[in-house]
Amino acid sequence: MKKRALIIGAGPAGLTAAYELLKKSSDHEVTVFEETDQFGGISKTVEYKGNRMDMGGHRFFSKVPEVNAWW
């Protein structure tokens, strides 16, 4: 029987959690819930007056080597 994982939020953290669970274990059924109709959390591209702009965090920073290895 597969274990069920419910992840709330499809931002970078939620998507990484889902990815890691699926990559490391074949006995997980993963469902990601997102409040909006877009993935990415605060990191996204929006269009305004014909221009496309990247919003959200433009830089990733961590002092944890294991976290930096993902990026």
N, C-alpha and C. Protein backbone atom coordinates (compact mmCIF):
# COMPACT_ATOMS: atom_id res chain seq x y z
N MET A 1 0.84 -1.18 0.00
CA MET A 1 0.00 0.00 0.00
C MET A 1 0.88 1.24 0.00
N LYS A 2 0.59 2.17 -0.91
CA LYS A 2 1.39 3.39 -1.00
C LYS A 2 1.06 4.36 0.13
N LYS A 3 2.08 5.07 0.56
CA LYS A 3 1.90 6.15 1.54
C LYS A 3 1.40 7.36 0.78
N ARG A 4 0.52 8.14 1.40
CA ARG A 4 -0.01 9.35 0.76
C ARG A 4 0.64 10.57 1.38
N ALA A 5 1.13 11.46 0.53
CA ALA A 5 1.71 12.72 0.98
C ALA A 5 0.91 13.85 0.37
N LEU A 6 0.42 14.75 1.19
CA LEU A 6 -0.31 15.92 0.73
C LEU A 6 0.57 17.13 1.00
N ILE A 7 0.89 17.86 -0.05
CA ILE A 7 1.77 19.02 0.07
C ILE A 7 0.94 20.26 -0.23
N ILE A 8 0.99 21.22 0.68
CA ILE A 8 0.22 22.45 0.52
C ILE A 8 1.14 23.53 -0.01
N GLY A 9 0.85 24.00 -1.22
CA GLY A 9 1.62 25.06 -1.84
C GLY A 9 2.52 24.54 -2.94
N ALA A 10 2.40 25.16 -4.11
CA ALA A 10 3.20 24.75 -5.27
C ALA A 10 4.27 25.78 -5.59
N GLY A 11 4.84 26.36 -4.52
CA GLY A 11 5.99 27.24 -4.70
C GLY A 11 7.26 26.39 -4.75
N PRO A 12 8.41 27.03 -4.73
CA PRO A 12 9.66 26.27 -4.79
C PRO A 12 9.79 25.19 -3.71
N ALA A 13 9.39 25.49 -2.49
CA ALA A 13 9.53 24.50 -1.40
C ALA A 13 8.59 23.32 -1.60
N GLY A 14 7.33 23.60 -1.93
CA GLY A 14 6.37 22.52 -2.14
C GLY A 14 6.72 21.64 -3.31
N LEU A 15 7.12 22.25 -4.42
CA LEU A 15 7.49 21.48 -5.61
C LEU A 15 8.74 20.65 -5.36
N THR A 16 9.70 21.20 -4.60
CA THR A 16 10.91 20.45 -4.27
C THR A 16 10.58 19.27 -3.37
N ALA A 17 9.68 19.48 -2.40
CA ALA A 17 9.28 18.38 -1.52
C ALA A 17 8.64 17.26 -2.32
N ALA A 18 7.75 17.60 -3.24
CA ALA A 18 7.10 16.59 -4.08
C ALA A 18 8.12 15.86 -4.94
N TYR A 19 9.01 16.60 -5.54
CA TYR A 19 10.05 16.02 -6.40
C TYR A 19 10.92 15.04 -5.62
N GLU A 20 11.38 15.45 -4.45
CA GLU A 20 12.27 14.60 -3.65
C GLU A 20 11.55 13.33 -3.19
N LEU A 21 10.30 13.45 -2.78
CA LEU A 21 9.55 12.26 -2.36
C LEU A 21 9.41 11.27 -3.51
N LEU A 22 9.06 11.77 -4.69
CA LEU A 22 8.87 10.89 -5.84
C LEU A 22 10.19 10.30 -6.33
N LYS A 23 11.25 11.09 -6.24
CA LYS A 23 12.56 10.63 -6.71
C LYS A 23 13.14 9.54 -5.80
N LYS A 24 12.95 9.69 -4.50
CA LYS A 24 13.61 8.80 -3.55
C LYS A 24 12.77 7.60 -3.13
N SER A 25 11.48 7.61 -3.45
CA SER A 25 10.63 6.53 -2.96
C SER A 25 9.53 6.22 -3.97
N SER A 26 9.40 4.96 -4.33
CA SER A 26 8.34 4.57 -5.25
C SER A 26 7.06 4.20 -4.51
N ASP A 27 7.08 4.26 -3.18
CA ASP A 27 5.88 3.88 -2.43
C ASP A 27 5.11 5.09 -1.91
N HIS A 28 5.27 6.25 -2.55
CA HIS A 28 4.52 7.45 -2.17
C HIS A 28 3.59 7.88 -3.30
N GLU A 29 2.39 8.26 -2.92
CA GLU A 29 1.45 8.91 -3.82
C GLU A 29 1.42 10.37 -3.37
N VAL A 30 1.87 11.28 -4.23
CA VAL A 30 2.03 12.68 -3.84
C VAL A 30 0.97 13.54 -4.52
N THR A 31 0.30 14.37 -3.72
CA THR A 31 -0.66 15.35 -4.24
C THR A 31 -0.23 16.72 -3.76
N VAL A 32 -0.15 17.67 -4.70
CA VAL A 32 0.22 19.05 -4.37
C VAL A 32 -1.02 19.92 -4.51
N PHE A 33 -1.38 20.63 -3.44
CA PHE A 33 -2.51 21.57 -3.47
C PHE A 33 -1.97 22.98 -3.63
N GLU A 34 -2.55 23.74 -4.55
CA GLU A 34 -2.16 25.13 -4.78
C GLU A 34 -3.42 25.99 -4.79
N GLU A 35 -3.36 27.09 -4.07
CA GLU A 35 -4.52 27.99 -3.94
C GLU A 35 -4.85 28.70 -5.26
N THR A 36 -3.84 29.05 -6.03
CA THR A 36 -4.06 29.80 -7.26
C THR A 36 -4.05 28.87 -8.47
N ASP A 37 -4.19 29.45 -9.66
CA ASP A 37 -4.18 28.65 -10.88
C ASP A 37 -2.78 28.56 -11.49
N GLN A 38 -1.75 29.00 -10.75
CA GLN A 38 -0.38 28.96 -11.25
C GLN A 38 0.55 28.33 -10.22
N PHE A 39 1.55 27.62 -10.74
CA PHE A 39 2.60 27.08 -9.89
C PHE A 39 3.72 28.11 -9.77
N GLY A 40 4.55 27.99 -8.74
CA GLY A 40 5.73 28.83 -8.62
C GLY A 40 5.74 29.75 -7.42
N GLY A 41 4.62 29.84 -6.70
CA GLY A 41 4.58 30.73 -5.54
C GLY A 41 4.80 32.17 -5.94
N ILE A 42 5.70 32.87 -5.23
CA ILE A 42 5.94 34.28 -5.56
C ILE A 42 6.87 34.44 -6.76
N SER A 43 7.44 33.34 -7.23
CA SER A 43 8.33 33.39 -8.40
C SER A 43 7.51 33.08 -9.64
N LYS A 44 7.27 34.10 -10.46
CA LYS A 44 6.49 33.89 -11.68
C LYS A 44 6.75 35.02 -12.66
N THR A 45 6.30 34.82 -13.87
CA THR A 45 6.39 35.84 -14.90
C THR A 45 5.00 36.38 -15.14
N VAL A 46 4.86 37.70 -15.12
CA VAL A 46 3.57 38.34 -15.38
C VAL A 46 3.69 39.22 -16.62
N GLU A 47 2.54 39.47 -17.24
CA GLU A 47 2.53 40.36 -18.40
C GLU A 47 1.78 41.63 -18.03
N TYR A 48 2.38 42.77 -18.35
CA TYR A 48 1.78 44.07 -18.04
C TYR A 48 2.06 45.01 -19.20
N LYS A 49 0.99 45.48 -19.83
CA LYS A 49 1.08 46.40 -20.96
C LYS A 49 2.02 45.87 -22.05
N GLY A 50 1.89 44.58 -22.34
CA GLY A 50 2.69 43.98 -23.40
C GLY A 50 4.10 43.59 -23.01
N ASN A 51 4.48 43.83 -21.78
CA ASN A 51 5.82 43.48 -21.30
C ASN A 51 5.74 42.30 -20.34
N ARG A 52 6.69 41.40 -20.44
CA ARG A 52 6.76 40.26 -19.52
C ARG A 52 7.83 40.55 -18.47
N MET A 53 7.45 40.38 -17.20
CA MET A 53 8.36 40.69 -16.10
C MET A 53 8.41 39.53 -15.12
N ASP A 54 9.60 39.25 -14.61
CA ASP A 54 9.76 38.23 -13.58
C ASP A 54 9.51 38.86 -12.22
N MET A 55 8.64 38.23 -11.44
CA MET A 55 8.30 38.73 -10.11
C MET A 55 8.83 37.75 -9.07
N GLY A 56 8.90 38.21 -7.83
CA GLY A 56 9.30 37.33 -6.74
C GLY A 56 10.79 37.36 -6.50
N GLY A 57 11.23 36.32 -5.83
CA GLY A 57 12.66 36.25 -5.49
C GLY A 57 13.53 36.07 -6.73
N HIS A 58 14.45 36.96 -6.92
CA HIS A 58 15.36 36.88 -8.08
C HIS A 58 16.68 36.22 -7.70
N ARG A 59 16.83 35.92 -6.45
CA ARG A 59 18.09 35.39 -5.98
C ARG A 59 17.81 34.37 -4.89
N PHE A 60 18.49 33.26 -4.95
CA PHE A 60 18.31 32.24 -3.92
C PHE A 60 19.55 32.25 -3.03
N PHE A 61 19.33 32.24 -1.72
CA PHE A 61 20.45 32.27 -0.79
C PHE A 61 20.19 31.30 0.35
N SER A 62 21.18 30.53 0.69
CA SER A 62 21.12 29.65 1.85
C SER A 62 22.53 29.37 2.33
N LYS A 63 22.67 29.17 3.62
CA LYS A 63 23.96 28.79 4.19
C LYS A 63 24.07 27.28 4.33
N VAL A 64 23.05 26.55 3.86
CA VAL A 64 23.03 25.10 3.99
C VAL A 64 23.50 24.47 2.68
N PRO A 65 24.66 23.80 2.67
CA PRO A 65 25.19 23.22 1.43
C PRO A 65 24.23 22.26 0.73
N GLU A 66 23.47 21.47 1.51
CA GLU A 66 22.54 20.53 0.91
C GLU A 66 21.43 21.25 0.14
N VAL A 67 21.01 22.40 0.63
CA VAL A 67 19.98 23.19 -0.07
C VAL A 67 20.58 23.80 -1.33
N ASN A 68 21.77 24.35 -1.24
CA ASN A 68 22.41 24.95 -2.42
C ASN A 68 22.67 23.92 -3.51
N ALA A 69 22.87 22.66 -3.15
CA ALA A 69 23.12 21.62 -4.16
C ALA A 69 21.92 21.42 -5.07
N TRP A 70 20.70 21.71 -4.59
CA TRP A 70 19.50 21.59 -5.44
C TRP A 70 19.50 22.64 -6.53
N TRP A 71 20.10 23.79 -6.27
CA TRP A 71 20.03 24.90 -7.21
C TRP A 71 21.29 24.95 -8.02
